[in-house]
């Protein structure tokens, strides 16, 4: 115990950084457990697509979408996503929706907006289309 105290007093910046990283790690883990937003793995997403006929919403720009997307996915205009206008998706409100972006970061914000708008089963694809391609799952152009 004395060595820890001595280390902390001699290396307070390093100790502070370690403490900050530890707090950030704990916060993100706990926040993820209690978040209503689900992040699906590629395996979970394929099960949801095949068994529950999930709607796949691709929010990437048109040029990226045209280079390759998940079979059956639909694209939404970026300006509608920015405004949080999901009126075109009202008929899918109670259906599972998987929001897909390039790496899984942008889709979190969109899926959270959808949950607030009343979409009960909005989720994201963890890792985005990159994870889908990395798992050698089919894409179409």
N, C-alpha and C. Protein backbone atom coordinates (compact mmCIF):
# COMPACT_ATOMS: atom_id res chain seq x y z
N UNK A 1 0.83 -1.19 0.00
CA UNK A 1 0.00 0.00 0.00
C UNK A 1 0.87 1.26 0.00
N UNK A 2 1.96 1.21 0.74
CA UNK A 2 2.87 2.36 0.79
C UNK A 2 3.47 2.65 -0.58
N UNK A 3 3.71 1.58 -1.35
CA UNK A 3 4.29 1.77 -2.67
C UNK A 3 3.30 2.46 -3.61
N UNK A 4 2.03 2.14 -3.45
CA UNK A 4 1.00 2.78 -4.30
C UNK A 4 0.93 4.27 -3.98
N UNK A 5 0.92 4.59 -2.69
CA UNK A 5 0.87 6.00 -2.28
C UNK A 5 2.10 6.74 -2.79
N UNK A 6 3.26 6.10 -2.68
CA UNK A 6 4.50 6.72 -3.15
C UNK A 6 4.47 6.93 -4.67
N UNK A 7 3.95 5.93 -5.40
CA UNK A 7 3.86 6.05 -6.86
C UNK A 7 2.93 7.20 -7.24
N UNK A 8 1.78 7.27 -6.57
CA UNK A 8 0.80 8.31 -6.88
C UNK A 8 1.37 9.70 -6.61
N UNK A 9 2.08 9.86 -5.51
CA UNK A 9 2.65 11.17 -5.19
C UNK A 9 3.78 11.55 -6.14
N UNK A 10 4.54 10.56 -6.62
CA UNK A 10 5.64 10.85 -7.53
C UNK A 10 5.18 11.00 -8.98
N UNK A 11 4.08 10.36 -9.32
CA UNK A 11 3.58 10.37 -10.71
C UNK A 11 2.10 10.76 -10.73
N UNK A 12 1.79 11.92 -10.22
CA UNK A 12 0.40 12.33 -10.08
C UNK A 12 -0.32 12.52 -11.42
N UNK A 13 0.39 12.94 -12.46
CA UNK A 13 -0.25 13.11 -13.77
C UNK A 13 -0.61 11.74 -14.34
N UNK A 14 0.31 10.83 -14.31
CA UNK A 14 0.06 9.48 -14.81
C UNK A 14 -1.06 8.80 -14.01
N UNK A 15 -1.04 8.98 -12.71
CA UNK A 15 -2.08 8.40 -11.84
C UNK A 15 -3.44 9.03 -12.15
N UNK A 16 -3.46 10.34 -12.38
CA UNK A 16 -4.71 11.02 -12.72
C UNK A 16 -5.28 10.54 -14.04
N UNK A 17 -4.41 10.35 -15.03
CA UNK A 17 -4.86 9.84 -16.33
C UNK A 17 -5.42 8.42 -16.20
N UNK A 18 -4.76 7.60 -15.41
CA UNK A 18 -5.24 6.24 -15.19
C UNK A 18 -6.62 6.27 -14.53
N UNK A 19 -6.79 7.11 -13.53
CA UNK A 19 -8.07 7.21 -12.83
C UNK A 19 -9.16 7.70 -13.79
N UNK A 20 -8.84 8.67 -14.62
CA UNK A 20 -9.81 9.20 -15.58
C UNK A 20 -10.23 8.13 -16.59
N UNK A 21 -9.27 7.36 -17.09
CA UNK A 21 -9.59 6.28 -18.03
C UNK A 21 -10.43 5.20 -17.37
N UNK A 22 -10.13 4.90 -16.13
CA UNK A 22 -10.90 3.90 -15.40
C UNK A 22 -12.34 4.35 -15.20
N UNK A 23 -12.53 5.61 -14.84
CA UNK A 23 -13.88 6.15 -14.66
C UNK A 23 -14.63 6.15 -15.99
N UNK A 24 -13.96 6.53 -17.08
CA UNK A 24 -14.60 6.55 -18.41
C UNK A 24 -15.00 5.13 -18.83
N UNK A 25 -14.16 4.16 -18.57
CA UNK A 25 -14.46 2.77 -18.92
C UNK A 25 -15.67 2.27 -18.13
N UNK A 26 -15.69 2.54 -16.86
CA UNK A 26 -16.82 2.12 -16.02
C UNK A 26 -18.11 2.80 -16.47
N UNK A 27 -18.03 4.10 -16.75
CA UNK A 27 -19.21 4.86 -17.18
C UNK A 27 -19.79 4.30 -18.48
N UNK A 28 -18.95 4.06 -19.48
CA UNK A 28 -19.46 3.57 -20.76
C UNK A 28 -20.04 2.17 -20.63
N UNK A 29 -19.44 1.35 -19.79
CA UNK A 29 -19.96 0.00 -19.59
C UNK A 29 -21.33 0.05 -18.92
N UNK A 30 -21.45 0.82 -17.86
CA UNK A 30 -22.71 0.92 -17.13
C UNK A 30 -23.77 1.61 -17.99
N UNK A 31 -23.41 2.66 -18.69
CA UNK A 31 -24.36 3.37 -19.54
C UNK A 31 -24.88 2.46 -20.65
N UNK A 32 -24.01 1.64 -21.21
CA UNK A 32 -24.42 0.70 -22.25
C UNK A 32 -25.39 -0.35 -21.75
N UNK A 33 -25.22 -0.78 -20.50
CA UNK A 33 -26.11 -1.79 -19.94
C UNK A 33 -27.52 -1.25 -19.70
N UNK A 34 -27.63 0.01 -19.35
CA UNK A 34 -28.93 0.60 -19.03
C UNK A 34 -29.55 1.39 -20.18
N UNK A 35 -28.86 1.46 -21.30
CA UNK A 35 -29.38 2.21 -22.45
C UNK A 35 -30.48 1.42 -23.14
N UNK A 36 -31.56 2.10 -23.56
CA UNK A 36 -32.61 1.41 -24.30
C UNK A 36 -32.17 1.06 -25.73
N UNK A 37 -31.10 1.67 -26.18
CA UNK A 37 -30.59 1.44 -27.53
C UNK A 37 -29.75 0.16 -27.56
N UNK A 38 -30.10 -0.74 -28.46
CA UNK A 38 -29.36 -1.99 -28.57
C UNK A 38 -28.38 -1.91 -29.74
N UNK A 39 -27.18 -2.42 -29.50
CA UNK A 39 -26.19 -2.56 -30.56
C UNK A 39 -26.13 -4.04 -30.92
N UNK A 40 -26.45 -4.35 -32.16
CA UNK A 40 -26.50 -5.74 -32.60
C UNK A 40 -25.20 -6.15 -33.27
N UNK A 41 -24.76 -7.36 -32.99
CA UNK A 41 -23.63 -7.92 -33.73
C UNK A 41 -24.15 -8.34 -35.10
N UNK A 42 -23.25 -8.69 -35.98
CA UNK A 42 -23.69 -9.12 -37.32
C UNK A 42 -24.54 -10.38 -37.22
N UNK A 43 -24.19 -11.26 -36.29
CA UNK A 43 -24.97 -12.50 -36.11
C UNK A 43 -26.38 -12.18 -35.61
N UNK A 44 -26.48 -11.31 -34.62
CA UNK A 44 -27.79 -10.92 -34.09
C UNK A 44 -28.62 -10.22 -35.16
N UNK A 45 -27.97 -9.39 -35.96
CA UNK A 45 -28.68 -8.68 -37.03
C UNK A 45 -29.22 -9.65 -38.07
N UNK A 46 -28.43 -10.63 -38.48
CA UNK A 46 -28.91 -11.60 -39.48
C UNK A 46 -30.07 -12.42 -38.93
N UNK A 47 -30.02 -12.76 -37.64
CA UNK A 47 -31.15 -13.48 -37.05
C UNK A 47 -32.41 -12.61 -37.06
N UNK A 48 -32.26 -11.34 -36.71
CA UNK A 48 -33.40 -10.42 -36.70
C UNK A 48 -33.95 -10.21 -38.11
N UNK A 49 -33.08 -10.13 -39.09
CA UNK A 49 -33.50 -9.96 -40.48
C UNK A 49 -34.25 -11.20 -40.97
N UNK A 50 -33.69 -12.37 -40.69
CA UNK A 50 -34.27 -13.61 -41.19
C UNK A 50 -35.52 -14.06 -40.44
N UNK A 51 -35.54 -13.88 -39.14
CA UNK A 51 -36.66 -14.41 -38.34
C UNK A 51 -37.78 -13.40 -38.11
N UNK A 52 -37.44 -12.12 -38.03
CA UNK A 52 -38.46 -11.12 -37.72
C UNK A 52 -38.63 -10.10 -38.84
N UNK A 53 -38.01 -10.36 -39.98
CA UNK A 53 -38.12 -9.48 -41.14
C UNK A 53 -37.82 -8.02 -40.80
N UNK A 54 -36.68 -7.80 -40.17
CA UNK A 54 -36.28 -6.46 -39.74
C UNK A 54 -36.09 -5.54 -40.95
N UNK A 55 -36.41 -4.29 -40.75
CA UNK A 55 -36.23 -3.24 -41.76
C UNK A 55 -34.81 -2.70 -41.58
N UNK A 56 -34.03 -2.66 -42.64
CA UNK A 56 -32.65 -2.18 -42.56
C UNK A 56 -32.60 -0.78 -43.14
N UNK A 57 -32.23 0.18 -42.30
CA UNK A 57 -32.18 1.58 -42.68
C UNK A 57 -30.73 2.02 -42.79
N UNK A 58 -30.28 2.30 -44.00
CA UNK A 58 -28.90 2.72 -44.24
C UNK A 58 -28.86 4.24 -44.29
N UNK A 59 -28.05 4.85 -43.43
CA UNK A 59 -28.01 6.31 -43.35
C UNK A 59 -26.74 6.89 -43.97
N UNK A 60 -25.99 6.08 -44.67
CA UNK A 60 -24.77 6.57 -45.33
C UNK A 60 -25.14 7.44 -46.54
N UNK A 61 -24.20 8.27 -46.99
CA UNK A 61 -24.46 9.07 -48.20
C UNK A 61 -24.73 8.18 -49.42
N UNK A 62 -25.43 8.73 -50.39
CA UNK A 62 -25.84 7.96 -51.58
C UNK A 62 -24.67 7.30 -52.30
N UNK A 63 -23.55 8.01 -52.41
CA UNK A 63 -22.40 7.46 -53.12
C UNK A 63 -21.89 6.19 -52.43
N UNK A 64 -21.83 6.21 -51.11
CA UNK A 64 -21.38 5.02 -50.37
C UNK A 64 -22.41 3.90 -50.46
N UNK A 65 -23.69 4.27 -50.40
CA UNK A 65 -24.77 3.28 -50.51
C UNK A 65 -24.70 2.55 -51.85
N UNK A 66 -24.42 3.30 -52.92
CA UNK A 66 -24.36 2.71 -54.26
C UNK A 66 -23.14 1.80 -54.43
N UNK A 67 -22.09 2.02 -53.66
CA UNK A 67 -20.90 1.16 -53.73
C UNK A 67 -21.17 -0.22 -53.16
N UNK A 68 -22.13 -0.31 -52.26
CA UNK A 68 -22.49 -1.59 -51.68
C UNK A 68 -23.29 -1.41 -50.41
N UNK A 69 -24.37 -2.19 -50.28
CA UNK A 69 -25.22 -2.12 -49.10
C UNK A 69 -25.79 -3.49 -48.80
N UNK A 70 -26.36 -3.63 -47.62
CA UNK A 70 -26.97 -4.89 -47.21
C UNK A 70 -28.20 -5.14 -48.08
N UNK A 71 -28.33 -6.36 -48.52
CA UNK A 71 -29.45 -6.75 -49.38
C UNK A 71 -30.78 -6.39 -48.70
N UNK A 72 -31.61 -5.64 -49.39
CA UNK A 72 -32.92 -5.25 -48.88
C UNK A 72 -32.92 -3.98 -48.05
N UNK A 73 -31.76 -3.38 -47.85
CA UNK A 73 -31.72 -2.16 -47.04
C UNK A 73 -32.25 -0.98 -47.85
N UNK A 74 -32.80 -0.02 -47.13
CA UNK A 74 -33.33 1.19 -47.75
C UNK A 74 -32.54 2.38 -47.21
N UNK A 75 -32.44 3.39 -48.04
CA UNK A 75 -31.70 4.58 -47.64
C UNK A 75 -32.68 5.71 -47.33
N UNK A 76 -32.30 6.54 -46.38
CA UNK A 76 -33.10 7.71 -46.04
C UNK A 76 -32.25 8.94 -46.37
N UNK A 77 -32.91 9.99 -46.80
CA UNK A 77 -32.20 11.22 -47.15
C UNK A 77 -31.49 11.79 -45.92
N UNK A 78 -30.24 12.21 -46.08
CA UNK A 78 -29.48 12.76 -44.94
C UNK A 78 -30.15 13.95 -44.27
N UNK A 79 -30.84 14.79 -45.06
CA UNK A 79 -31.49 15.96 -44.45
C UNK A 79 -32.65 15.54 -43.55
N UNK A 80 -33.31 14.43 -43.85
CA UNK A 80 -34.37 13.93 -42.98
C UNK A 80 -33.80 13.40 -41.66
N UNK A 81 -32.65 12.75 -41.76
CA UNK A 81 -31.97 12.24 -40.56
C UNK A 81 -31.54 13.40 -39.68
N UNK A 82 -30.97 14.43 -40.30
CA UNK A 82 -30.51 15.60 -39.55
C UNK A 82 -31.67 16.27 -38.81
N UNK A 83 -32.83 16.37 -39.47
CA UNK A 83 -34.01 16.99 -38.86
C UNK A 83 -34.70 16.07 -37.86
N UNK A 84 -34.39 14.77 -37.93
CA UNK A 84 -35.10 13.81 -37.09
C UNK A 84 -36.49 13.52 -37.61
N UNK A 85 -36.68 13.69 -38.93
CA UNK A 85 -37.97 13.48 -39.57
C UNK A 85 -38.04 12.04 -40.11
N UNK A 86 -38.77 11.20 -39.40
CA UNK A 86 -38.90 9.80 -39.79
C UNK A 86 -40.33 9.47 -40.22
N UNK A 87 -41.03 10.47 -40.73
CA UNK A 87 -42.43 10.29 -41.12
C UNK A 87 -42.59 9.26 -42.25
N UNK A 88 -41.58 9.12 -43.10
CA UNK A 88 -41.65 8.14 -44.18
C UNK A 88 -41.58 6.71 -43.67
N UNK A 89 -41.18 6.55 -42.40
CA UNK A 89 -41.03 5.22 -41.83
C UNK A 89 -42.14 4.87 -40.83
N UNK A 90 -43.18 5.67 -40.78
CA UNK A 90 -44.25 5.47 -39.80
C UNK A 90 -44.85 4.07 -39.84
N UNK A 91 -44.97 3.48 -41.02
CA UNK A 91 -45.60 2.16 -41.11
C UNK A 91 -44.70 1.06 -40.53
N UNK A 92 -43.43 1.38 -40.25
CA UNK A 92 -42.51 0.41 -39.66
C UNK A 92 -42.26 0.67 -38.18
N UNK A 93 -43.11 1.47 -37.57
CA UNK A 93 -42.90 1.93 -36.19
C UNK A 93 -42.80 0.78 -35.19
N UNK A 94 -43.57 -0.28 -35.38
CA UNK A 94 -43.57 -1.39 -34.44
C UNK A 94 -42.75 -2.58 -34.94
N UNK A 95 -42.07 -2.40 -36.03
CA UNK A 95 -41.25 -3.46 -36.63
C UNK A 95 -39.78 -3.24 -36.22
N UNK A 96 -39.01 -4.31 -36.09
CA UNK A 96 -37.59 -4.10 -35.79
C UNK A 96 -36.89 -3.33 -36.91
N UNK A 97 -36.14 -2.30 -36.53
CA UNK A 97 -35.40 -1.49 -37.49
C UNK A 97 -33.93 -1.52 -37.10
N UNK A 98 -33.08 -1.85 -38.06
CA UNK A 98 -31.64 -1.85 -37.83
C UNK A 98 -31.05 -0.68 -38.59
N UNK A 99 -30.48 0.28 -37.87
CA UNK A 99 -29.88 1.47 -38.48
C UNK A 99 -28.42 1.15 -38.76
N UNK A 100 -27.99 1.40 -40.01
CA UNK A 100 -26.65 1.06 -40.44
C UNK A 100 -25.93 2.30 -40.97
N UNK A 101 -24.69 2.49 -40.54
CA UNK A 101 -23.83 3.54 -41.09
C UNK A 101 -22.50 2.88 -41.46
N UNK A 102 -21.48 3.66 -41.67
CA UNK A 102 -20.20 3.10 -42.10
C UNK A 102 -19.52 2.29 -41.00
N UNK A 103 -19.42 2.87 -39.80
CA UNK A 103 -18.67 2.21 -38.72
C UNK A 103 -19.47 2.02 -37.44
N UNK A 104 -20.73 2.37 -37.44
CA UNK A 104 -21.57 2.15 -36.27
C UNK A 104 -21.65 3.31 -35.29
N UNK A 105 -21.05 4.44 -35.62
CA UNK A 105 -21.07 5.57 -34.69
C UNK A 105 -22.24 6.53 -34.98
N UNK A 106 -22.42 6.89 -36.23
CA UNK A 106 -23.48 7.81 -36.60
C UNK A 106 -24.86 7.19 -36.39
N UNK A 107 -24.94 5.90 -36.57
CA UNK A 107 -26.23 5.22 -36.44
C UNK A 107 -26.77 5.27 -35.01
N UNK A 108 -25.90 5.39 -34.03
CA UNK A 108 -26.36 5.46 -32.63
C UNK A 108 -27.23 6.69 -32.41
N UNK A 109 -26.79 7.83 -32.92
CA UNK A 109 -27.56 9.06 -32.76
C UNK A 109 -28.91 8.94 -33.46
N UNK A 110 -28.90 8.41 -34.67
CA UNK A 110 -30.14 8.27 -35.43
C UNK A 110 -31.11 7.30 -34.74
N UNK A 111 -30.59 6.17 -34.28
CA UNK A 111 -31.45 5.20 -33.60
C UNK A 111 -32.01 5.78 -32.30
N UNK A 112 -31.23 6.57 -31.60
CA UNK A 112 -31.72 7.23 -30.38
C UNK A 112 -32.84 8.21 -30.71
N UNK A 113 -32.68 8.96 -31.80
CA UNK A 113 -33.74 9.88 -32.24
C UNK A 113 -35.01 9.09 -32.58
N UNK A 114 -34.84 7.94 -33.20
CA UNK A 114 -35.99 7.12 -33.57
C UNK A 114 -36.71 6.59 -32.33
N UNK A 115 -35.94 6.18 -31.32
CA UNK A 115 -36.56 5.72 -30.08
C UNK A 115 -37.38 6.83 -29.43
N UNK A 116 -36.83 8.04 -29.45
CA UNK A 116 -37.55 9.19 -28.88
C UNK A 116 -38.80 9.51 -29.69
N UNK A 117 -38.76 9.21 -30.99
CA UNK A 117 -39.90 9.48 -31.87
C UNK A 117 -40.96 8.37 -31.80
N UNK A 118 -40.73 7.35 -30.98
CA UNK A 118 -41.74 6.32 -30.80
C UNK A 118 -41.49 5.01 -31.52
N UNK A 119 -40.35 4.87 -32.18
CA UNK A 119 -40.02 3.60 -32.83
C UNK A 119 -39.53 2.65 -31.74
N UNK A 120 -40.30 1.62 -31.47
CA UNK A 120 -40.06 0.79 -30.30
C UNK A 120 -38.90 -0.19 -30.44
N UNK A 121 -38.54 -0.55 -31.65
CA UNK A 121 -37.52 -1.58 -31.85
C UNK A 121 -36.35 -1.11 -32.71
N UNK A 122 -35.91 0.12 -32.53
CA UNK A 122 -34.76 0.64 -33.28
C UNK A 122 -33.47 0.16 -32.63
N UNK A 123 -32.55 -0.32 -33.45
CA UNK A 123 -31.25 -0.79 -32.97
C UNK A 123 -30.19 -0.41 -34.00
N UNK A 124 -28.93 -0.57 -33.64
CA UNK A 124 -27.85 -0.26 -34.57
C UNK A 124 -27.03 -1.52 -34.85
N UNK A 125 -26.34 -1.51 -35.97
CA UNK A 125 -25.42 -2.59 -36.30
C UNK A 125 -24.05 -2.19 -35.77
N UNK A 126 -23.58 -2.93 -34.79
CA UNK A 126 -22.29 -2.65 -34.16
C UNK A 126 -21.17 -2.79 -35.21
N UNK A 127 -20.43 -1.73 -35.42
CA UNK A 127 -19.36 -1.75 -36.41
C UNK A 127 -19.81 -1.34 -37.80
N UNK A 128 -21.11 -1.15 -37.98
CA UNK A 128 -21.66 -0.69 -39.25
C UNK A 128 -21.42 -1.63 -40.41
N UNK A 129 -21.47 -1.06 -41.61
CA UNK A 129 -21.30 -1.85 -42.83
C UNK A 129 -19.89 -2.46 -42.89
N UNK A 130 -18.93 -1.81 -42.25
CA UNK A 130 -17.57 -2.36 -42.21
C UNK A 130 -17.54 -3.70 -41.48
N UNK A 131 -18.26 -3.81 -40.38
CA UNK A 131 -18.34 -5.08 -39.64
C UNK A 131 -19.06 -6.13 -40.48
N UNK A 132 -20.10 -5.70 -41.20
CA UNK A 132 -20.86 -6.62 -42.05
C UNK A 132 -19.96 -7.20 -43.14
N UNK A 133 -19.20 -6.35 -43.78
CA UNK A 133 -18.28 -6.81 -44.82
C UNK A 133 -17.13 -7.63 -44.22
N UNK A 134 -16.68 -7.24 -43.04
CA UNK A 134 -15.61 -7.97 -42.35
C UNK A 134 -16.02 -9.38 -41.99
N UNK A 135 -17.31 -9.60 -41.78
CA UNK A 135 -17.82 -10.93 -41.47
C UNK A 135 -18.14 -11.71 -42.75
N UNK A 136 -17.77 -11.15 -43.89
CA UNK A 136 -18.02 -11.78 -45.21
C UNK A 136 -19.50 -12.05 -45.47
N UNK A 137 -20.35 -11.16 -44.99
CA UNK A 137 -21.77 -11.26 -45.27
C UNK A 137 -22.08 -10.56 -46.58
N UNK A 138 -23.13 -10.98 -47.27
CA UNK A 138 -23.38 -10.47 -48.63
C UNK A 138 -23.82 -9.00 -48.65
N UNK A 139 -23.34 -8.32 -49.67
CA UNK A 139 -23.79 -6.96 -49.96
C UNK A 139 -24.18 -6.93 -51.43
N UNK A 140 -24.96 -5.94 -51.77
CA UNK A 140 -25.39 -5.78 -53.15
C UNK A 140 -25.12 -4.34 -53.58
N UNK A 141 -25.03 -4.14 -54.88
CA UNK A 141 -24.78 -2.79 -55.42
C UNK A 141 -25.95 -2.31 -56.20
